[in-house]
Amino acid sequence: MKVHGSCHCGHVRFVAEADPQLTSICHCNDCQKLTGTAFRLSTPALPGSFALTQGTPKVYIKVAESGARRAQAFCPECGSPLYTYDADKPTPIGLRVGVLDERRALPPTWQKWCDVALDWTQNLAEVEQAPRDQRGA
């Protein structure tokens, strides 16, 4: 499926092809820190399909627990995380689902690093829900 991505401010834009069956949730400590939340949702771009169409992201290289050097691309203006790749071998590219226009069509099919997942992330069905930013009575 063709996907279109952009940061929050629109400074950086890209297109790619993705297989919805490969969308995953990562619960690792790095993803928790880099997102400022409980996990990260990503989907890989199919080989050779990724193209920047506007702007140039800033790239931060982090060293994973495995020792792998992971490049984290984000907007230099608004800070939106955009995609990741192996800093020493830049394919495949892991797209951040939250910046994709087609995000509703990319539900996760698997989870990884579940041994460090925050316990409450495994069952959100019991958490109160609201259609907007107002809590029920």
C-alpha atoms as a PDB file:
ATOM      1  CA  MET A   1       0.000   0.000   0.000  1.00  0.00           C
ATOM      2  CA  LYS A   2       1.222   3.512  -0.790  1.00  0.00           C
ATOM      3  CA  VAL A   3       1.740   5.701   2.288  1.00  0.00           C
ATOM      4  CA  HIS A   4       2.326   9.429   2.671  1.00  0.00           C
ATOM      5  CA  GLY A   5       4.159  10.808   5.687  1.00  0.00           C
ATOM      6  CA  SER A   6       4.777  14.247   7.112  1.00  0.00           C
ATOM      7  CA  CYS A   7       5.873  15.829  10.348  1.00  0.00           C
ATOM      8  CA  HIS A   8       3.485  17.871  12.490  1.00  0.00           C
ATOM      9  CA  CYS A   9       4.501  21.216  10.930  1.00  0.00           C
ATOM     10  CA  GLY A  10       4.707  19.905   7.330  1.00  0.00           C
ATOM     11  CA  HIS A  11       8.387  20.821   6.866  1.00  0.00           C
ATOM     12  CA  VAL A  12       9.379  17.213   5.981  1.00  0.00           C
ATOM     13  CA  ARG A  13       7.291  14.950   3.729  1.00  0.00           C
ATOM     14  CA  PHE A  14       7.870  11.516   2.240  1.00  0.00           C
ATOM     15  CA  VAL A  15       6.192   8.657   0.360  1.00  0.00           C
ATOM     16  CA  ALA A  16       6.762   4.901   0.493  1.00  0.00           C
ATOM     17  CA  GLU A  17       5.133   1.524  -0.017  1.00  0.00           C
ATOM     18  CA  ALA A  18       4.335  -0.530   3.080  1.00  0.00           C
ATOM     19  CA  ASP A  19       2.913  -3.977   3.833  1.00  0.00           C
ATOM     20  CA  PRO A  20       0.199  -3.539   6.502  1.00  0.00           C
ATOM     21  CA  GLN A  21       0.866  -7.072   7.775  1.00  0.00           C
ATOM     22  CA  LEU A  22       4.302  -5.976   9.053  1.00  0.00           C
ATOM     23  CA  THR A  23       3.172  -3.153  11.370  1.00  0.00           C
ATOM     24  CA  SER A  24       4.475  -3.644  14.905  1.00  0.00           C
ATOM     25  CA  ILE A  25       4.467  -2.209  18.398  1.00  0.00           C
ATOM     26  CA  CYS A  26       7.867  -1.890  20.075  1.00  0.00           C
ATOM     27  CA  HIS A  27       7.918  -1.691  23.876  1.00  0.00           C
ATOM     28  CA  CYS A  28      11.717  -1.378  24.262  1.00  0.00           C
ATOM     29  CA  ASN A  29      13.148   1.164  26.692  1.00  0.00           C
ATOM     30  CA  ASP A  30      14.661   3.196  23.834  1.00  0.00           C
ATOM     31  CA  CYS A  31      11.284   3.531  22.085  1.00  0.00           C
ATOM     32  CA  GLN A  32       9.675   4.573  25.361  1.00  0.00           C
ATOM     33  CA  LYS A  33      12.315   7.286  25.859  1.00  0.00           C
ATOM     34  CA  LEU A  34      12.413   8.444  22.217  1.00  0.00           C
ATOM     35  CA  THR A  35       8.626   8.820  22.008  1.00  0.00           C
ATOM     36  CA  GLY A  36       8.047  10.074  25.527  1.00  0.00           C
ATOM     37  CA  THR A  37       5.291   7.472  25.887  1.00  0.00           C
ATOM     38  CA  ALA A  38       4.744   3.750  26.472  1.00  0.00           C
ATOM     39  CA  PHE A  39       5.618   2.265  23.059  1.00  0.00           C
ATOM     40  CA  ARG A  40       6.196   3.021  19.378  1.00  0.00           C
ATOM     41  CA  LEU A  41       4.205   1.866  16.334  1.00  0.00           C
ATOM     42  CA  SER A  42       6.226   1.304  13.138  1.00  0.00           C
ATOM     43  CA  THR A  43       5.936  -0.308   9.734  1.00  0.00           C
ATOM     44  CA  PRO A  44       8.805  -1.018   7.332  1.00  0.00           C
ATOM     45  CA  ALA A  45       8.974   0.672   3.941  1.00  0.00           C
ATOM     46  CA  LEU A  46       9.253  -1.890   1.162  1.00  0.00           C
ATOM     47  CA  PRO A  47      12.795  -1.955  -0.294  1.00  0.00           C
ATOM     48  CA  GLY A  48      13.471   0.869  -2.740  1.00  0.00           C
ATOM     49  CA  SER A  49      10.101   2.559  -2.205  1.00  0.00           C
ATOM     50  CA  PHE A  50      10.999   5.332   0.263  1.00  0.00           C
ATOM     51  CA  ALA A  51      11.480   8.882  -1.081  1.00  0.00           C
ATOM     52  CA  LEU A  52      11.687  12.262   0.613  1.00  0.00           C
ATOM     53  CA  THR A  53       9.431  14.708  -1.249  1.00  0.00           C
ATOM     54  CA  GLN A  54      10.064  17.820   0.848  1.00  0.00           C
ATOM     55  CA  GLY A  55      12.569  18.988   3.436  1.00  0.00           C
ATOM     56  CA  THR A  56      15.514  17.284   5.081  1.00  0.00           C
ATOM     57  CA  PRO A  57      15.183  15.573   8.453  1.00  0.00           C
ATOM     58  CA  LYS A  58      17.759  15.781  11.218  1.00  0.00           C
ATOM     59  CA  VAL A  59      19.253  12.416  12.167  1.00  0.00           C
ATOM     60  CA  TYR A  60      20.284  11.263  15.641  1.00  0.00           C
ATOM     61  CA  ILE A  61      22.339   8.052  15.964  1.00  0.00           C
ATOM     62  CA  LYS A  62      21.623   5.979  19.058  1.00  0.00           C
ATOM     63  CA  VAL A  63      23.323   2.753  20.092  1.00  0.00           C
ATOM     64  CA  ALA A  64      20.823   0.017  20.917  1.00  0.00           C
ATOM     65  CA  GLU A  65      21.233  -2.551  23.705  1.00  0.00           C
ATOM     66  CA  SER A  66      22.360  -4.974  20.973  1.00  0.00           C
ATOM     67  CA  GLY A  67      25.181  -2.597  19.980  1.00  0.00           C
ATOM     68  CA  ALA A  68      23.500  -1.748  16.661  1.00  0.00           C
ATOM     69  CA  ARG A  69      23.705   1.895  15.603  1.00  0.00           C
ATOM     70  CA  ARG A  70      20.179   3.110  14.815  1.00  0.00           C
ATOM     71  CA  ALA A  71      19.535   6.353  12.958  1.00  0.00           C
ATOM     72  CA  GLN A  72      16.472   8.241  14.178  1.00  0.00           C
ATOM     73  CA  ALA A  73      15.171  10.764  11.610  1.00  0.00           C
ATOM     74  CA  PHE A  74      13.029  13.621  12.879  1.00  0.00           C
ATOM     75  CA  CYS A  75      11.870  17.068  11.759  1.00  0.00           C
ATOM     76  CA  PRO A  76      14.421  19.770  12.616  1.00  0.00           C
ATOM     77  CA  GLU A  77      11.585  22.284  13.067  1.00  0.00           C
ATOM     78  CA  CYS A  78       8.881  20.527  15.139  1.00  0.00           C
ATOM     79  CA  GLY A  79      10.744  17.425  16.359  1.00  0.00           C
ATOM     80  CA  SER A  80       8.269  14.823  15.013  1.00  0.00           C
ATOM     81  CA  PRO A  81       9.884  11.350  14.812  1.00  0.00           C
ATOM     82  CA  LEU A  82       9.622  10.253  11.154  1.00  0.00           C
ATOM     83  CA  TYR A  83      11.548   7.031  10.502  1.00  0.00           C
ATOM     84  CA  THR A  84      14.522   4.914  11.536  1.00  0.00           C
ATOM     85  CA  TYR A  85      17.179   2.767   9.854  1.00  0.00           C
ATOM     86  CA  ASP A  86      20.420   0.935  10.585  1.00  0.00           C
ATOM     87  CA  ALA A  87      23.084   3.672  10.532  1.00  0.00           C
ATOM     88  CA  ASP A  88      25.588   1.289   8.940  1.00  0.00           C
ATOM     89  CA  LYS A  89      23.172  -0.227   6.387  1.00  0.00           C
ATOM     90  CA  PRO A  90      20.366   2.252   5.576  1.00  0.00           C
ATOM     91  CA  THR A  91      17.721  -0.243   4.458  1.00  0.00           C
ATOM     92  CA  PRO A  92      15.111  -1.211   5.483  1.00  0.00           C
ATOM     93  CA  ILE A  93      13.520   1.993   6.726  1.00  0.00           C
ATOM     94  CA  GLY A  94      11.076   1.775   9.634  1.00  0.00           C
ATOM     95  CA  LEU A  95       8.301   4.333   9.207  1.00  0.00           C
ATOM     96  CA  ARG A  96       6.655   5.852  12.284  1.00  0.00           C
ATOM     97  CA  VAL A  97       2.974   5.073  11.811  1.00  0.00           C
ATOM     98  CA  GLY A  98       1.763   8.192  13.634  1.00  0.00           C
ATOM     99  CA  VAL A  99       3.111  10.479  10.883  1.00  0.00           C
ATOM    100  CA  LEU A 100       1.445   8.541   8.055  1.00  0.00           C
ATOM    101  CA  ASP A 101      -1.802   9.799   6.485  1.00  0.00           C
ATOM    102  CA  GLU A 102      -2.911   6.146   6.184  1.00  0.00           C
ATOM    103  CA  ARG A 103      -2.290   5.302   9.884  1.00  0.00           C
ATOM    104  CA  ARG A 104      -5.866   4.059  10.442  1.00  0.00           C
ATOM    105  CA  ALA A 105      -5.223   1.305   7.875  1.00  0.00           C
ATOM    106  CA  LEU A 106      -2.063   0.117   9.686  1.00  0.00           C
ATOM    107  CA  PRO A 107      -3.093  -1.616  12.917  1.00  0.00           C
ATOM    108  CA  PRO A 108      -0.279  -3.558  14.574  1.00  0.00           C
ATOM    109  CA  THR A 109      -0.021  -7.281  13.859  1.00  0.00           C
ATOM    110  CA  TRP A 110       2.630  -8.081  16.481  1.00  0.00           C
ATOM    111  CA  GLN A 111       4.481  -6.690  19.521  1.00  0.00           C
ATOM    112  CA  LYS A 112       8.156  -6.889  20.479  1.00  0.00           C
ATOM    113  CA  TRP A 113      10.236  -6.237  23.592  1.00  0.00           C
ATOM    114  CA  CYS A 114       7.210  -7.250  25.665  1.00  0.00           C
ATOM    115  CA  ASP A 115       9.452  -8.203  28.594  1.00  0.00           C
ATOM    116  CA  VAL A 116       9.957  -4.477  29.312  1.00  0.00           C
ATOM    117  CA  ALA A 117       6.442  -3.352  28.359  1.00  0.00           C
ATOM    118  CA  LEU A 118       4.610  -1.255  30.913  1.00  0.00           C
ATOM    119  CA  ASP A 119       2.076  -3.678  32.424  1.00  0.00           C
ATOM    120  CA  TRP A 120      -0.938  -1.449  31.801  1.00  0.00           C
ATOM    121  CA  THR A 121      -0.294  -1.365  28.024  1.00  0.00           C
ATOM    122  CA  GLN A 122      -1.366  -4.990  27.712  1.00  0.00           C
ATOM    123  CA  ASN A 123      -5.040  -4.282  28.507  1.00  0.00           C
ATOM    124  CA  LEU A 124      -6.436  -0.847  27.695  1.00  0.00           C
ATOM    125  CA  ALA A 125     -10.030  -2.097  27.370  1.00  0.00           C
ATOM    126  CA  GLU A 126     -10.753  -1.184  31.013  1.00  0.00           C
ATOM    127  CA  VAL A 127      -9.475   2.398  30.731  1.00  0.00           C
ATOM    128  CA  GLU A 128     -12.173   5.074  30.540  1.00  0.00           C
ATOM    129  CA  GLN A 129     -12.659   6.421  27.005  1.00  0.00           C
ATOM    130  CA  ALA A 130     -13.794   9.855  25.825  1.00  0.00           C
ATOM    131  CA  PRO A 131     -14.460  11.046  22.250  1.00  0.00           C
ATOM    132  CA  ARG A 132     -12.465  14.272  22.817  1.00  0.00           C
ATOM    133  CA  ASP A 133     -10.639  15.933  25.714  1.00  0.00           C
ATOM    134  CA  GLN A 134     -13.407  15.767  28.290  1.00  0.00           C
ATOM    135  CA  ARG A 135     -13.708  13.097  30.921  1.00  0.00           C
ATOM    136  CA  GLY A 136     -17.110  11.564  31.653  1.00  0.00           C
ATOM    137  CA  ALA A 137     -19.036  12.315  34.845  1.00  0.00           C
END
